[in-house]
Amino acid sequence: MIVLVVIALGGAAYWWLHQPLQMTGAGTQALELAIEPGTTPRGVARDVVAAGVNTDARLLYAWFRFSGQDRAIKAGNYEIPPGTTPIGLLRKLARGEEALRALTLVEGWNWRQVRQALAREEQLRHDAATLTDEALMAQLGRPGVAPEGRFFPDTYTYAKGSSDIALLRRALHAMDRRLEAAWAQRAADTPLKLADQALILASIVEKETGKASDRGQIAGVFTNRLRVGMLLQTDPTVIYGLGEKFDGNLRRRDLQTDTPWNTYTRAGLPPTPIAMPGKASLLAAVQPDPTRALYFVAKGDGTSHFSASLDEHNRAVNRYQRGQ
């Protein structure tokens, strides 16, 4: 009789462990489970039930203990999708397979756009939102460094409730690695003296590139201008200097309004990047295409016409910009 009881109990336990957990309500929505640091296995079982799983917390705790993995359960934010079994749930909790969200920082975004994107992420903890740019960069270990262009554009996953500062730190270190790798591959005759100059030039190339195939030549034009001491005269730097005053229409007076980023009124590179450059723009800045061109103008189809002389450039402007 005892043997039969043991067999029956074992069979029931086996069946329960392999059956999907019943959840509150119908539908296909996953339940959210937050486990705070220091929560005991018994407390975890109670939290699972409180999250909406229709089971006995004592039974769930008994499974945690019997498995031998009760102490391996990790704090974090999890999702329990429909169809999850007790075995699958414990595996997720023991491995720390937290529910991850994703945020994409887009190539060519400026710092203001990054701030806005972070603010829209409801699942992030907005620690950076209360800090000035200066205080934030100091907390990231870069006191005195402007945030513009310092974060690599990519898709970053994060756990619900994690800090936006932690995400920014990852993006900052990613840009450090990308910039270091690009600078190590710089052309021997580059006029750039510092890796930070390459970052600034790459940000300009990023904003000026309409078609990827033109990127190397655009970098070549700016490199040639730096080499011979010409003004860069690039509109995106002027627009950046105007900040929120820019209304989408760049006027002649804007080109004549001096700011630290106006490359029509000031020689050389601007003091900071003007956007986040991607890997291709970083490489183009340090390995520009060999070209004699000193000018380029948008053709209206996303590509540019490159010219080695001012006369040729003026003819191209008349053709592509003025329709003459």
C-alpha atoms as a PDB file:
ATOM      1  CA  MET A   1       0.000   0.000   0.000  1.00  0.00           C
ATOM      2  CA  ILE A   2       2.787   2.444   0.938  1.00  0.00           C
ATOM      3  CA  VAL A   3       4.553   1.685  -2.308  1.00  0.00           C
ATOM      4  CA  LEU A   4       1.379   2.413  -4.241  1.00  0.00           C
ATOM      5  CA  VAL A   5       0.934   5.707  -2.402  1.00  0.00           C
ATOM      6  CA  VAL A   6       4.535   6.719  -3.131  1.00  0.00           C
ATOM      7  CA  ILE A   7       4.095   5.821  -6.788  1.00  0.00           C
ATOM      8  CA  ALA A   8       0.860   7.788  -6.943  1.00  0.00           C
ATOM      9  CA  LEU A   9       2.416  10.828  -5.302  1.00  0.00           C
ATOM     10  CA  GLY A  10       5.445  10.616  -7.551  1.00  0.00           C
ATOM     11  CA  GLY A  11       3.227  10.412 -10.609  1.00  0.00           C
ATOM     12  CA  ALA A  12       1.186  13.376  -9.470  1.00  0.00           C
ATOM     13  CA  ALA A  13       4.316  15.408  -8.831  1.00  0.00           C
ATOM     14  CA  TYR A  14       5.736  14.492 -12.245  1.00  0.00           C
ATOM     15  CA  TRP A  15       2.465  15.508 -13.895  1.00  0.00           C
ATOM     16  CA  TRP A  16       2.326  18.818 -12.021  1.00  0.00           C
ATOM     17  CA  LEU A  17       5.937  19.720 -12.864  1.00  0.00           C
ATOM     18  CA  HIS A  18       5.307  19.270 -16.567  1.00  0.00           C
ATOM     19  CA  GLN A  19       1.921  21.002 -16.727  1.00  0.00           C
ATOM     20  CA  PRO A  20       1.682  24.678 -17.743  1.00  0.00           C
ATOM     21  CA  LEU A  21       1.083  26.898 -14.751  1.00  0.00           C
ATOM     22  CA  GLN A  22      -2.421  28.336 -14.639  1.00  0.00           C
ATOM     23  CA  MET A  23      -2.472  32.118 -14.739  1.00  0.00           C
ATOM     24  CA  THR A  24      -4.998  34.714 -13.695  1.00  0.00           C
ATOM     25  CA  GLY A  25      -7.213  35.747 -16.573  1.00  0.00           C
ATOM     26  CA  ALA A  26      -7.277  34.473 -20.127  1.00  0.00           C
ATOM     27  CA  GLY A  27      -5.256  35.540 -23.135  1.00  0.00           C
ATOM     28  CA  THR A  28      -1.632  35.376 -24.123  1.00  0.00           C
ATOM     29  CA  GLN A  29      -0.147  38.114 -21.957  1.00  0.00           C
ATOM     30  CA  ALA A  30       2.940  37.223 -19.938  1.00  0.00           C
ATOM     31  CA  LEU A  31       2.938  37.936 -16.230  1.00  0.00           C
ATOM     32  CA  GLU A  32       5.556  40.270 -14.804  1.00  0.00           C
ATOM     33  CA  LEU A  33       7.517  39.038 -11.795  1.00  0.00           C
ATOM     34  CA  ALA A  34       9.897  41.224  -9.809  1.00  0.00           C
ATOM     35  CA  ILE A  35      12.218  39.513  -7.327  1.00  0.00           C
ATOM     36  CA  GLU A  36      13.986  41.909  -5.019  1.00  0.00           C
ATOM     37  CA  PRO A  37      17.531  41.217  -3.810  1.00  0.00           C
ATOM     38  CA  GLY A  38      17.522  39.219  -0.577  1.00  0.00           C
ATOM     39  CA  THR A  39      14.156  37.545  -1.186  1.00  0.00           C
ATOM     40  CA  THR A  40      14.083  34.020   0.276  1.00  0.00           C
ATOM     41  CA  PRO A  41      12.988  31.031  -1.855  1.00  0.00           C
ATOM     42  CA  ARG A  42       9.764  30.916   0.170  1.00  0.00           C
ATOM     43  CA  GLY A  43       9.255  34.610  -0.566  1.00  0.00           C
ATOM     44  CA  VAL A  44       9.900  33.996  -4.270  1.00  0.00           C
ATOM     45  CA  ALA A  45       7.157  31.357  -4.313  1.00  0.00           C
ATOM     46  CA  ARG A  46       4.773  33.857  -2.716  1.00  0.00           C
ATOM     47  CA  ASP A  47       5.795  36.528  -5.237  1.00  0.00           C
ATOM     48  CA  VAL A  48       5.039  34.155  -8.115  1.00  0.00           C
ATOM     49  CA  VAL A  49       1.530  33.588  -6.813  1.00  0.00           C
ATOM     50  CA  ALA A  50       1.070  37.315  -6.163  1.00  0.00           C
ATOM     51  CA  ALA A  51       2.080  38.001  -9.761  1.00  0.00           C
ATOM     52  CA  GLY A  52      -0.941  36.023 -10.946  1.00  0.00           C
ATOM     53  CA  VAL A  53      -0.003  32.321 -11.059  1.00  0.00           C
ATOM     54  CA  ASN A  54      -2.835  30.168  -9.745  1.00  0.00           C
ATOM     55  CA  THR A  55      -0.968  27.630  -7.649  1.00  0.00           C
ATOM     56  CA  ASP A  56      -0.183  26.920  -4.025  1.00  0.00           C
ATOM     57  CA  ALA A  57       2.890  28.888  -2.912  1.00  0.00           C
ATOM     58  CA  ARG A  58       3.772  26.049  -0.499  1.00  0.00           C
ATOM     59  CA  LEU A  59       3.791  23.558  -3.356  1.00  0.00           C
ATOM     60  CA  LEU A  60       5.967  25.824  -5.476  1.00  0.00           C
ATOM     61  CA  TYR A  61       8.382  26.371  -2.585  1.00  0.00           C
ATOM     62  CA  ALA A  62       8.568  22.607  -2.025  1.00  0.00           C
ATOM     63  CA  TRP A  63       9.591  22.196  -5.673  1.00  0.00           C
ATOM     64  CA  PHE A  64      12.281  24.865  -5.308  1.00  0.00           C
ATOM     65  CA  ARG A  65      13.685  23.038  -2.262  1.00  0.00           C
ATOM     66  CA  PHE A  66      13.404  19.540  -3.752  1.00  0.00           C
ATOM     67  CA  SER A  67      15.223  20.618  -6.932  1.00  0.00           C
ATOM     68  CA  GLY A  68      18.267  21.760  -4.965  1.00  0.00           C
ATOM     69  CA  GLN A  69      18.285  25.043  -6.901  1.00  0.00           C
ATOM     70  CA  ASP A  70      16.380  27.148  -4.402  1.00  0.00           C
ATOM     71  CA  ARG A  71      19.500  29.112  -3.470  1.00  0.00           C
ATOM     72  CA  ALA A  72      20.384  29.658  -7.121  1.00  0.00           C
ATOM     73  CA  ILE A  73      17.321  31.831  -7.770  1.00  0.00           C
ATOM     74  CA  LYS A  74      18.442  35.311  -8.802  1.00  0.00           C
ATOM     75  CA  ALA A  75      16.864  38.676  -8.157  1.00  0.00           C
ATOM     76  CA  GLY A  76      15.601  40.537 -11.190  1.00  0.00           C
ATOM     77  CA  ASN A  77      12.646  41.333 -13.398  1.00  0.00           C
ATOM     78  CA  TYR A  78      11.107  38.389 -15.234  1.00  0.00           C
ATOM     79  CA  GLU A  79       8.263  37.572 -17.555  1.00  0.00           C
ATOM     80  CA  ILE A  80       6.256  34.362 -17.148  1.00  0.00           C
ATOM     81  CA  PRO A  81       4.644  33.609 -20.516  1.00  0.00           C
ATOM     82  CA  PRO A  82       1.615  31.342 -20.868  1.00  0.00           C
ATOM     83  CA  GLY A  83       2.646  27.697 -21.132  1.00  0.00           C
ATOM     84  CA  THR A  84       5.439  27.995 -18.560  1.00  0.00           C
ATOM     85  CA  THR A  85       5.804  24.861 -16.435  1.00  0.00           C
ATOM     86  CA  PRO A  86       7.157  24.771 -12.862  1.00  0.00           C
ATOM     87  CA  ILE A  87      10.349  23.237 -14.296  1.00  0.00           C
ATOM     88  CA  GLY A  88      10.668  26.025 -16.870  1.00  0.00           C
ATOM     89  CA  LEU A  89       9.968  28.704 -14.284  1.00  0.00           C
ATOM     90  CA  LEU A  90      12.692  27.503 -11.934  1.00  0.00           C
ATOM     91  CA  ARG A  91      15.149  27.186 -14.815  1.00  0.00           C
ATOM     92  CA  LYS A  92      14.466  30.797 -15.808  1.00  0.00           C
ATOM     93  CA  LEU A  93      14.870  32.077 -12.242  1.00  0.00           C
ATOM     94  CA  ALA A  94      18.029  30.064 -11.546  1.00  0.00           C
ATOM     95  CA  ARG A  95      19.677  31.196 -14.763  1.00  0.00           C
ATOM     96  CA  GLY A  96      18.685  34.808 -14.221  1.00  0.00           C
ATOM     97  CA  GLU A  97      16.933  35.011 -17.586  1.00  0.00           C
ATOM     98  CA  GLU A  98      15.430  38.408 -17.001  1.00  0.00           C
ATOM     99  CA  ALA A  99      12.890  40.011 -19.313  1.00  0.00           C
ATOM    100  CA  LEU A 100      14.877  42.322 -21.563  1.00  0.00           C
ATOM    101  CA  ARG A 101      13.791  45.434 -23.395  1.00  0.00           C
ATOM    102  CA  ALA A 102      15.711  47.083 -26.201  1.00  0.00           C
ATOM    103  CA  LEU A 103      16.581  50.683 -27.019  1.00  0.00           C
ATOM    104  CA  THR A 104      18.158  51.691 -30.329  1.00  0.00           C
ATOM    105  CA  LEU A 105      20.414  54.731 -30.464  1.00  0.00           C
ATOM    106  CA  VAL A 106      20.358  55.815 -34.098  1.00  0.00           C
ATOM    107  CA  GLU A 107      23.381  56.875 -36.142  1.00  0.00           C
ATOM    108  CA  GLY A 108      23.320  60.630 -36.611  1.00  0.00           C
ATOM    109  CA  TRP A 109      21.289  61.390 -33.494  1.00  0.00           C
ATOM    110  CA  ASN A 110      22.513  64.264 -31.365  1.00  0.00           C
ATOM    111  CA  TRP A 111      22.662  64.253 -27.576  1.00  0.00           C
ATOM    112  CA  ARG A 112      19.312  65.987 -27.208  1.00  0.00           C
ATOM    113  CA  GLN A 113      17.684  63.161 -29.179  1.00  0.00           C
ATOM    114  CA  VAL A 114      19.416  60.578 -26.991  1.00  0.00           C
ATOM    115  CA  ARG A 115      18.040  62.255 -23.875  1.00  0.00           C
ATOM    116  CA  GLN A 116      14.558  62.218 -25.399  1.00  0.00           C
ATOM    117  CA  ALA A 117      14.812  58.535 -26.347  1.00  0.00           C
ATOM    118  CA  LEU A 118      15.859  57.587 -22.823  1.00  0.00           C
ATOM    119  CA  ALA A 119      12.959  59.567 -21.360  1.00  0.00           C
ATOM    120  CA  ARG A 120      10.494  57.623 -23.530  1.00  0.00           C
ATOM    121  CA  GLU A 121      11.636  54.266 -22.156  1.00  0.00           C
ATOM    122  CA  GLU A 122       9.087  53.647 -19.415  1.00  0.00           C
ATOM    123  CA  GLN A 123      10.864  50.505 -18.185  1.00  0.00           C
ATOM    124  CA  LEU A 124      14.148  52.307 -17.520  1.00  0.00           C
ATOM    125  CA  ARG A 125      14.948  54.008 -14.239  1.00  0.00           C
ATOM    126  CA  HIS A 126      15.567  57.611 -15.203  1.00  0.00           C
ATOM    127  CA  ASP A 127      18.525  58.455 -12.983  1.00  0.00           C
ATOM    128  CA  ALA A 128      20.232  60.542 -15.675  1.00  0.00           C
ATOM    129  CA  ALA A 129      17.168  62.747 -16.130  1.00  0.00           C
ATOM    130  CA  THR A 130      17.876  64.600 -12.891  1.00  0.00           C
ATOM    131  CA  LEU A 131      21.526  65.267 -13.732  1.00  0.00           C
ATOM    132  CA  THR A 132      23.061  68.059 -15.763  1.00  0.00           C
ATOM    133  CA  ASP A 133      25.250  67.006 -18.668  1.00  0.00           C
ATOM    134  CA  GLU A 134      28.310  67.923 -16.622  1.00  0.00           C
ATOM    135  CA  ALA A 135      27.216  65.900 -13.589  1.00  0.00           C
ATOM    136  CA  LEU A 136      26.262  62.926 -15.739  1.00  0.00           C
ATOM    137  CA  MET A 137      29.594  62.808 -17.543  1.00  0.00           C
ATOM    138  CA  ALA A 138      31.397  63.108 -14.207  1.00  0.00           C
ATOM    139  CA  GLN A 139      29.416  60.129 -12.903  1.00  0.00           C
ATOM    140  CA  LEU A 140      30.400  58.222 -16.047  1.00  0.00           C
ATOM    141  CA  GLY A 141      34.042  58.943 -15.301  1.00  0.00           C
ATOM    142  CA  ARG A 142      34.509  61.666 -17.954  1.00  0.00           C
ATOM    143  CA  PRO A 143      34.470  64.956 -16.057  1.00  0.00           C
ATOM    144  CA  GLY A 144      34.804  67.973 -18.312  1.00  0.00           C
ATOM    145  CA  VAL A 145      33.913  66.012 -21.471  1.00  0.00           C
ATOM    146  CA  ALA A 146      30.835  67.017 -23.474  1.00  0.00           C
ATOM    147  CA  PRO A 147      28.388  64.139 -24.015  1.00  0.00           C
ATOM    148  CA  GLU A 148      27.791  64.891 -27.686  1.00  0.00           C
ATOM    149  CA  GLY A 149      28.910  62.039 -29.939  1.00  0.00           C
ATOM    150  CA  ARG A 150      30.405  60.024 -27.087  1.00  0.00           C
ATOM    151  CA  PHE A 151      27.894  57.151 -27.208  1.00  0.00           C
ATOM    152  CA  PHE A 152      27.972  54.497 -29.897  1.00  0.00           C
ATOM    153  CA  PRO A 153      24.761  54.148 -31.925  1.00  0.00           C
ATOM    154  CA  ASP A 154      23.516  50.584 -31.561  1.00  0.00           C
ATOM    155  CA  THR A 155      20.683  48.533 -30.051  1.00  0.00           C
ATOM    156  CA  TYR A 156      21.083  47.963 -26.322  1.00  0.00           C
ATOM    157  CA  THR A 157      19.057  45.504 -24.275  1.00  0.00           C
ATOM    158  CA  TYR A 158      18.253  46.185 -20.648  1.00  0.00           C
ATOM    159  CA  ALA A 159      16.277  44.674 -17.809  1.00  0.00           C
ATOM    160  CA  LYS A 160      13.162  46.420 -16.602  1.00  0.00           C
ATOM    161  CA  GLY A 161      14.021  48.791 -13.777  1.00  0.00           C
ATOM    162  CA  SER A 162      17.683  49.114 -14.656  1.00  0.00           C
ATOM    163  CA  SER A 163      19.281  52.557 -14.716  1.00  0.00           C
ATOM    164  CA  ASP A 164      19.602  54.668 -17.833  1.00  0.00           C
ATOM    165  CA  ILE A 165      23.077  55.565 -16.582  1.00  0.00           C
ATOM    166  CA  ALA A 166      24.095  51.901 -16.833  1.00  0.00           C
ATOM    167  CA  LEU A 167      22.890  51.816 -20.441  1.00  0.00           C
ATOM    168  CA  LEU A 168      24.764  55.008 -21.257  1.00  0.00           C
ATOM    169  CA  ARG A 169      27.911  53.604 -19.672  1.00  0.00           C
ATOM    170  CA  ARG A 170      27.749  50.618 -22.032  1.00  0.00           C
ATOM    171  CA  ALA A 171      27.232  52.913 -25.024  1.00  0.00           C
ATOM    172  CA  LEU A 172      30.112  55.122 -23.883  1.00  0.00           C
ATOM    173  CA  HIS A 173      32.499  52.192 -23.596  1.00  0.00           C
ATOM    174  CA  ALA A 174      31.308  50.855 -26.953  1.00  0.00           C
ATOM    175  CA  MET A 175      32.247  54.174 -28.591  1.00  0.00           C
ATOM    176  CA  ASP A 176      35.604  54.106 -26.810  1.00  0.00           C
ATOM    177  CA  ARG A 177      36.353  50.709 -28.347  1.00  0.00           C
ATOM    178  CA  ARG A 178      35.129  51.665 -31.824  1.00  0.00           C
ATOM    179  CA  LEU A 179      37.061  54.919 -31.827  1.00  0.00           C
ATOM    180  CA  GLU A 180      40.232  53.266 -30.557  1.00  0.00           C
ATOM    181  CA  ALA A 181      39.981  50.585 -33.248  1.00  0.00           C
ATOM    182  CA  ALA A 182      39.404  53.158 -35.995  1.00  0.00           C
ATOM    183  CA  TRP A 183      42.226  55.433 -34.797  1.00  0.00           C
ATOM    184  CA  ALA A 184      44.632  52.485 -34.871  1.00  0.00           C
ATOM    185  CA  GLN A 185      43.832  52.122 -38.589  1.00  0.00           C
ATOM    186  CA  ARG A 186      44.288  55.807 -39.515  1.00  0.00           C
ATOM    187  CA  ALA A 187      46.029  56.718 -42.760  1.00  0.00           C
ATOM    188  CA  ALA A 188      49.654  57.742 -42.371  1.00  0.00           C
ATOM    189  CA  ASP A 189      49.045  61.147 -43.982  1.00  0.00           C
ATOM    190  CA  THR A 190      45.936  62.135 -42.039  1.00  0.00           C
ATOM    191  CA  PRO A 191      45.953  65.753 -40.831  1.00  0.00           C
ATOM    192  CA  LEU A 192      44.161  64.628 -37.683  1.00  0.00           C
ATOM    193  CA  LYS A 193      46.345  64.662 -34.576  1.00  0.00           C
ATOM    194  CA  LEU A 194      44.045  63.134 -31.970  1.00  0.00           C
ATOM    195  CA  ALA A 195      41.425  60.399 -31.840  1.00  0.00           C
ATOM    196  CA  ASP A 196      38.922  62.982 -30.578  1.00  0.00           C
ATOM    197  CA  GLN A 197      39.423  64.931 -33.805  1.00  0.00           C
ATOM    198  CA  ALA A 198      38.560  61.787 -35.727  1.00  0.00           C
ATOM    199  CA  LEU A 199      35.361  61.496 -33.695  1.00  0.00           C
ATOM    200  CA  ILE A 200      34.413  65.091 -34.520  1.00  0.00           C
ATOM    201  CA  LEU A 201      35.134  64.645 -38.229  1.00  0.00           C
ATOM    202  CA  ALA A 202      33.236  61.339 -38.265  1.00  0.00           C
ATOM    203  CA  SER A 203      30.176  63.058 -36.805  1.00  0.00           C
ATOM    204  CA  ILE A 204      30.248  65.611 -39.637  1.00  0.00           C
ATOM    205  CA  VAL A 205      30.639  62.863 -42.232  1.00  0.00           C
ATOM    206  CA  GLU A 206      27.687  61.050 -40.641  1.00  0.00           C
ATOM    207  CA  LYS A 207      25.432  64.082 -40.995  1.00  0.00           C
ATOM    208  CA  GLU A 208      26.599  64.960 -44.524  1.00  0.00           C
ATOM    209  CA  THR A 209      26.271  61.461 -45.999  1.00  0.00           C
ATOM    210  CA  GLY A 210      23.127  60.923 -48.040  1.00  0.00           C
ATOM    211  CA  LYS A 211      24.275  57.683 -49.618  1.00  0.00           C
ATOM    212  CA  ALA A 212      26.715  55.232 -48.067  1.00  0.00           C
ATOM    213  CA  SER A 213      28.803  54.962 -51.230  1.00  0.00           C
ATOM    214  CA  ASP A 214      29.645  58.699 -50.991  1.00  0.00           C
ATOM    215  CA  ARG A 215      30.859  58.544 -47.397  1.00  0.00           C
ATOM    216  CA  GLY A 216      34.549  57.982 -48.201  1.00  0.00           C
ATOM    217  CA  GLN A 217      34.655  60.844 -50.719  1.00  0.00           C
ATOM    218  CA  ILE A 218      32.880  63.217 -48.347  1.00  0.00           C
ATOM    219  CA  ALA A 219      35.490  62.392 -45.719  1.00  0.00           C
ATOM    220  CA  GLY A 220      38.130  62.969 -48.398  1.00  0.00           C
ATOM    221  CA  VAL A 221      36.802  66.464 -49.164  1.00  0.00           C
ATOM    222  CA  PHE A 222      36.933  67.521 -45.516  1.00  0.00           C
ATOM    223  CA  THR A 223      40.349  65.929 -45.067  1.00  0.00           C
ATOM    224  CA  ASN A 224      41.653  67.863 -48.087  1.00  0.00           C
ATOM    225  CA  ARG A 225      40.228  71.083 -46.701  1.00  0.00           C
ATOM    226  CA  LEU A 226      41.839  70.521 -43.319  1.00  0.00           C
ATOM    227  CA  ARG A 227      45.117  69.732 -45.006  1.00  0.00           C
ATOM    228  CA  VAL A 228      45.235  73.009 -46.990  1.00  0.00           C
ATOM    229  CA  GLY A 229      43.647  75.198 -44.302  1.00  0.00           C
ATOM    230  CA  MET A 230      40.297  75.848 -46.013  1.00  0.00           C
ATOM    231  CA  LEU A 231      37.146  76.491 -44.053  1.00  0.00           C
ATOM    232  CA  LEU A 232      35.058  73.324 -43.805  1.00  0.00           C
ATOM    233  CA  GLN A 233      31.841  75.258 -44.554  1.00  0.00           C
ATOM    234  CA  THR A 234      29.487  72.401 -43.694  1.00  0.00           C
ATOM    235  CA  ASP A 235      25.822  73.194 -43.009  1.00  0.00           C
ATOM    236  CA  PRO A 236      25.218  70.506 -40.334  1.00  0.00           C
ATOM    237  CA  THR A 237      27.690  72.199 -37.994  1.00  0.00           C
ATOM    238  CA  VAL A 238      25.886  75.515 -38.409  1.00  0.00           C
ATOM    239  CA  ILE A 239      22.542  73.832 -37.712  1.00  0.00           C
ATOM    240  CA  TYR A 240      24.009  72.188 -34.629  1.00  0.00           C
ATOM    241  CA  GLY A 241      25.256  75.552 -33.359  1.00  0.00           C
ATOM    242  CA  LEU A 242      21.788  77.057 -33.786  1.00  0.00           C
ATOM    243  CA  GLY A 243      20.365  74.353 -31.519  1.00  0.00           C
ATOM    244  CA  GLU A 244      16.626  74.519 -30.880  1.00  0.00           C
ATOM    245  CA  LYS A 245      16.457  77.894 -32.669  1.00  0.00           C
ATOM    246  CA  PHE A 246      16.813  76.089 -35.998  1.00  0.00           C
ATOM    247  CA  ASP A 247      13.374  75.944 -37.638  1.00  0.00           C
ATOM    248  CA  GLY A 248      14.262  73.627 -40.505  1.00  0.00           C
ATOM    249  CA  ASN A 249      15.186  76.411 -42.923  1.00  0.00           C
ATOM    250  CA  LEU A 250      18.865  77.384 -43.071  1.00  0.00           C
ATOM    251  CA  ARG A 251      19.206  81.017 -44.119  1.00  0.00           C
ATOM    252  CA  ARG A 252      22.151  83.118 -45.276  1.00  0.00           C
ATOM    253  CA  ARG A 253      22.123  85.017 -41.996  1.00  0.00           C
ATOM    254  CA  ASP A 254      22.490  81.702 -40.169  1.00  0.00           C
ATOM    255  CA  LEU A 255      25.678  80.999 -42.094  1.00  0.00           C
ATOM    256  CA  GLN A 256      26.968  84.391 -40.995  1.00  0.00           C
ATOM    257  CA  THR A 257      25.953  84.031 -37.340  1.00  0.00           C
ATOM    258  CA  ASP A 258      29.075  83.050 -35.431  1.00  0.00           C
ATOM    259  CA  THR A 259      28.944  80.141 -32.977  1.00  0.00           C
ATOM    260  CA  PRO A 260      31.721  77.760 -31.912  1.00  0.00           C
ATOM    261  CA  TRP A 261      30.254  75.247 -34.416  1.00  0.00           C
ATOM    262  CA  ASN A 262      29.904  77.578 -37.407  1.00  0.00           C
ATOM    263  CA  THR A 263      32.482  76.257 -39.864  1.00  0.00           C
ATOM    264  CA  TYR A 264      31.720  79.163 -42.229  1.00  0.00           C
ATOM    265  CA  THR A 265      33.076  81.658 -39.701  1.00  0.00           C
ATOM    266  CA  ARG A 266      35.648  79.539 -37.865  1.00  0.00           C
ATOM    267  CA  ALA A 267      38.551  77.527 -39.220  1.00  0.00           C
ATOM    268  CA  GLY A 268      39.235  73.880 -38.473  1.00  0.00           C
ATOM    269  CA  LEU A 269      37.029  71.377 -36.715  1.00  0.00           C
ATOM    270  CA  PRO A 270      34.299  72.446 -34.278  1.00  0.00           C
ATOM    271  CA  PRO A 271      34.978  71.969 -30.550  1.00  0.00           C
ATOM    272  CA  THR A 272      32.804  68.847 -30.163  1.00  0.00           C
ATOM    273  CA  PRO A 273      31.112  66.239 -32.327  1.00  0.00           C
ATOM    274  CA  ILE A 274      27.697  67.225 -33.643  1.00  0.00           C
ATOM    275  CA  ALA A 275      26.099  63.747 -33.570  1.00  0.00           C
ATOM    276  CA  MET A 276      26.787  60.072 -32.941  1.00  0.00           C
ATOM    277  CA  PRO A 277      28.798  58.592 -35.831  1.00  0.00           C
ATOM    278  CA  GLY A 278      28.523  54.922 -36.717  1.00  0.00           C
ATOM    279  CA  LYS A 279      31.366  52.543 -37.457  1.00  0.00           C
ATOM    280  CA  ALA A 280      31.454  53.352 -41.182  1.00  0.00           C
ATOM    281  CA  SER A 281      31.796  57.090 -40.560  1.00  0.00           C
ATOM    282  CA  LEU A 282      34.537  56.524 -37.983  1.00  0.00           C
ATOM    283  CA  LEU A 283      36.515  54.492 -40.498  1.00  0.00           C
ATOM    284  CA  ALA A 284      35.891  57.010 -43.278  1.00  0.00           C
ATOM    285  CA  ALA A 285      37.207  59.831 -41.101  1.00  0.00           C
ATOM    286  CA  VAL A 286      40.551  58.088 -40.619  1.00  0.00           C
ATOM    287  CA  GLN A 287      40.705  56.340 -44.008  1.00  0.00           C
ATOM    288  CA  PRO A 288      39.085  58.746 -46.476  1.00  0.00           C
ATOM    289  CA  ASP A 289      38.911  57.892 -50.158  1.00  0.00           C
ATOM    290  CA  PRO A 290      41.820  59.363 -52.132  1.00  0.00           C
ATOM    291  CA  THR A 291      40.368  62.318 -54.044  1.00  0.00           C
ATOM    292  CA  ARG A 292      41.350  65.751 -55.346  1.00  0.00           C
ATOM    293  CA  ALA A 293      37.883  67.100 -54.596  1.00  0.00           C
ATOM    294  CA  LEU A 294      37.488  70.144 -52.372  1.00  0.00           C
ATOM    295  CA  TYR A 295      33.766  70.626 -52.901  1.00  0.00           C
ATOM    296  CA  PHE A 296      30.570  68.619 -53.109  1.00  0.00           C
ATOM    297  CA  VAL A 297      26.911  69.404 -53.633  1.00  0.00           C
ATOM    298  CA  ALA A 298      23.776  67.312 -53.187  1.00  0.00           C
ATOM    299  CA  LYS A 299      22.294  66.134 -56.476  1.00  0.00           C
ATOM    300  CA  GLY A 300      18.792  65.704 -55.102  1.00  0.00           C
ATOM    301  CA  ASP A 301      18.732  61.902 -55.317  1.00  0.00           C
ATOM    302  CA  GLY A 302      20.686  61.215 -52.137  1.00  0.00           C
ATOM    303  CA  THR A 303      24.072  61.290 -53.873  1.00  0.00           C
ATOM    304  CA  SER A 304      26.574  64.123 -54.238  1.00  0.00           C
ATOM    305  CA  HIS A 305      28.601  65.645 -57.055  1.00  0.00           C
ATOM    306  CA  PHE A 306      32.271  66.154 -56.190  1.00  0.00           C
ATOM    307  CA  SER A 307      34.452  68.878 -57.674  1.00  0.00           C
ATOM    308  CA  ALA A 308      38.150  69.681 -57.550  1.00  0.00           C
ATOM    309  CA  SER A 309      37.772  73.346 -58.533  1.00  0.00           C
ATOM    310  CA  LEU A 310      35.462  76.174 -57.525  1.00  0.00           C
ATOM    311  CA  ASP A 311      34.386  76.742 -61.129  1.00  0.00           C
ATOM    312  CA  GLU A 312      33.316  73.122 -61.489  1.00  0.00           C
ATOM    313  CA  HIS A 313      31.543  73.314 -58.139  1.00  0.00           C
ATOM    314  CA  ASN A 314      29.620  76.444 -59.142  1.00  0.00           C
ATOM    315  CA  ARG A 315      28.478  74.759 -62.338  1.00  0.00           C
ATOM    316  CA  ALA A 316      27.313  71.763 -60.294  1.00  0.00           C
ATOM    317  CA  VAL A 317      25.427  74.051 -57.891  1.00  0.00           C
ATOM    318  CA  ASN A 318      23.681  75.751 -60.816  1.00  0.00           C
ATOM    319  CA  ARG A 319      22.741  72.381 -62.293  1.00  0.00           C
ATOM    320  CA  TYR A 320      21.625  70.475 -59.227  1.00  0.00           C
ATOM    321  CA  GLN A 321      20.473  73.202 -56.850  1.00  0.00           C
ATOM    322  CA  ARG A 322      19.224  75.943 -59.148  1.00  0.00           C
ATOM    323  CA  GLY A 323      18.150  73.890 -62.147  1.00  0.00           C
ATOM    324  CA  GLN A 324      20.127  76.058 -64.554  1.00  0.00           C
END
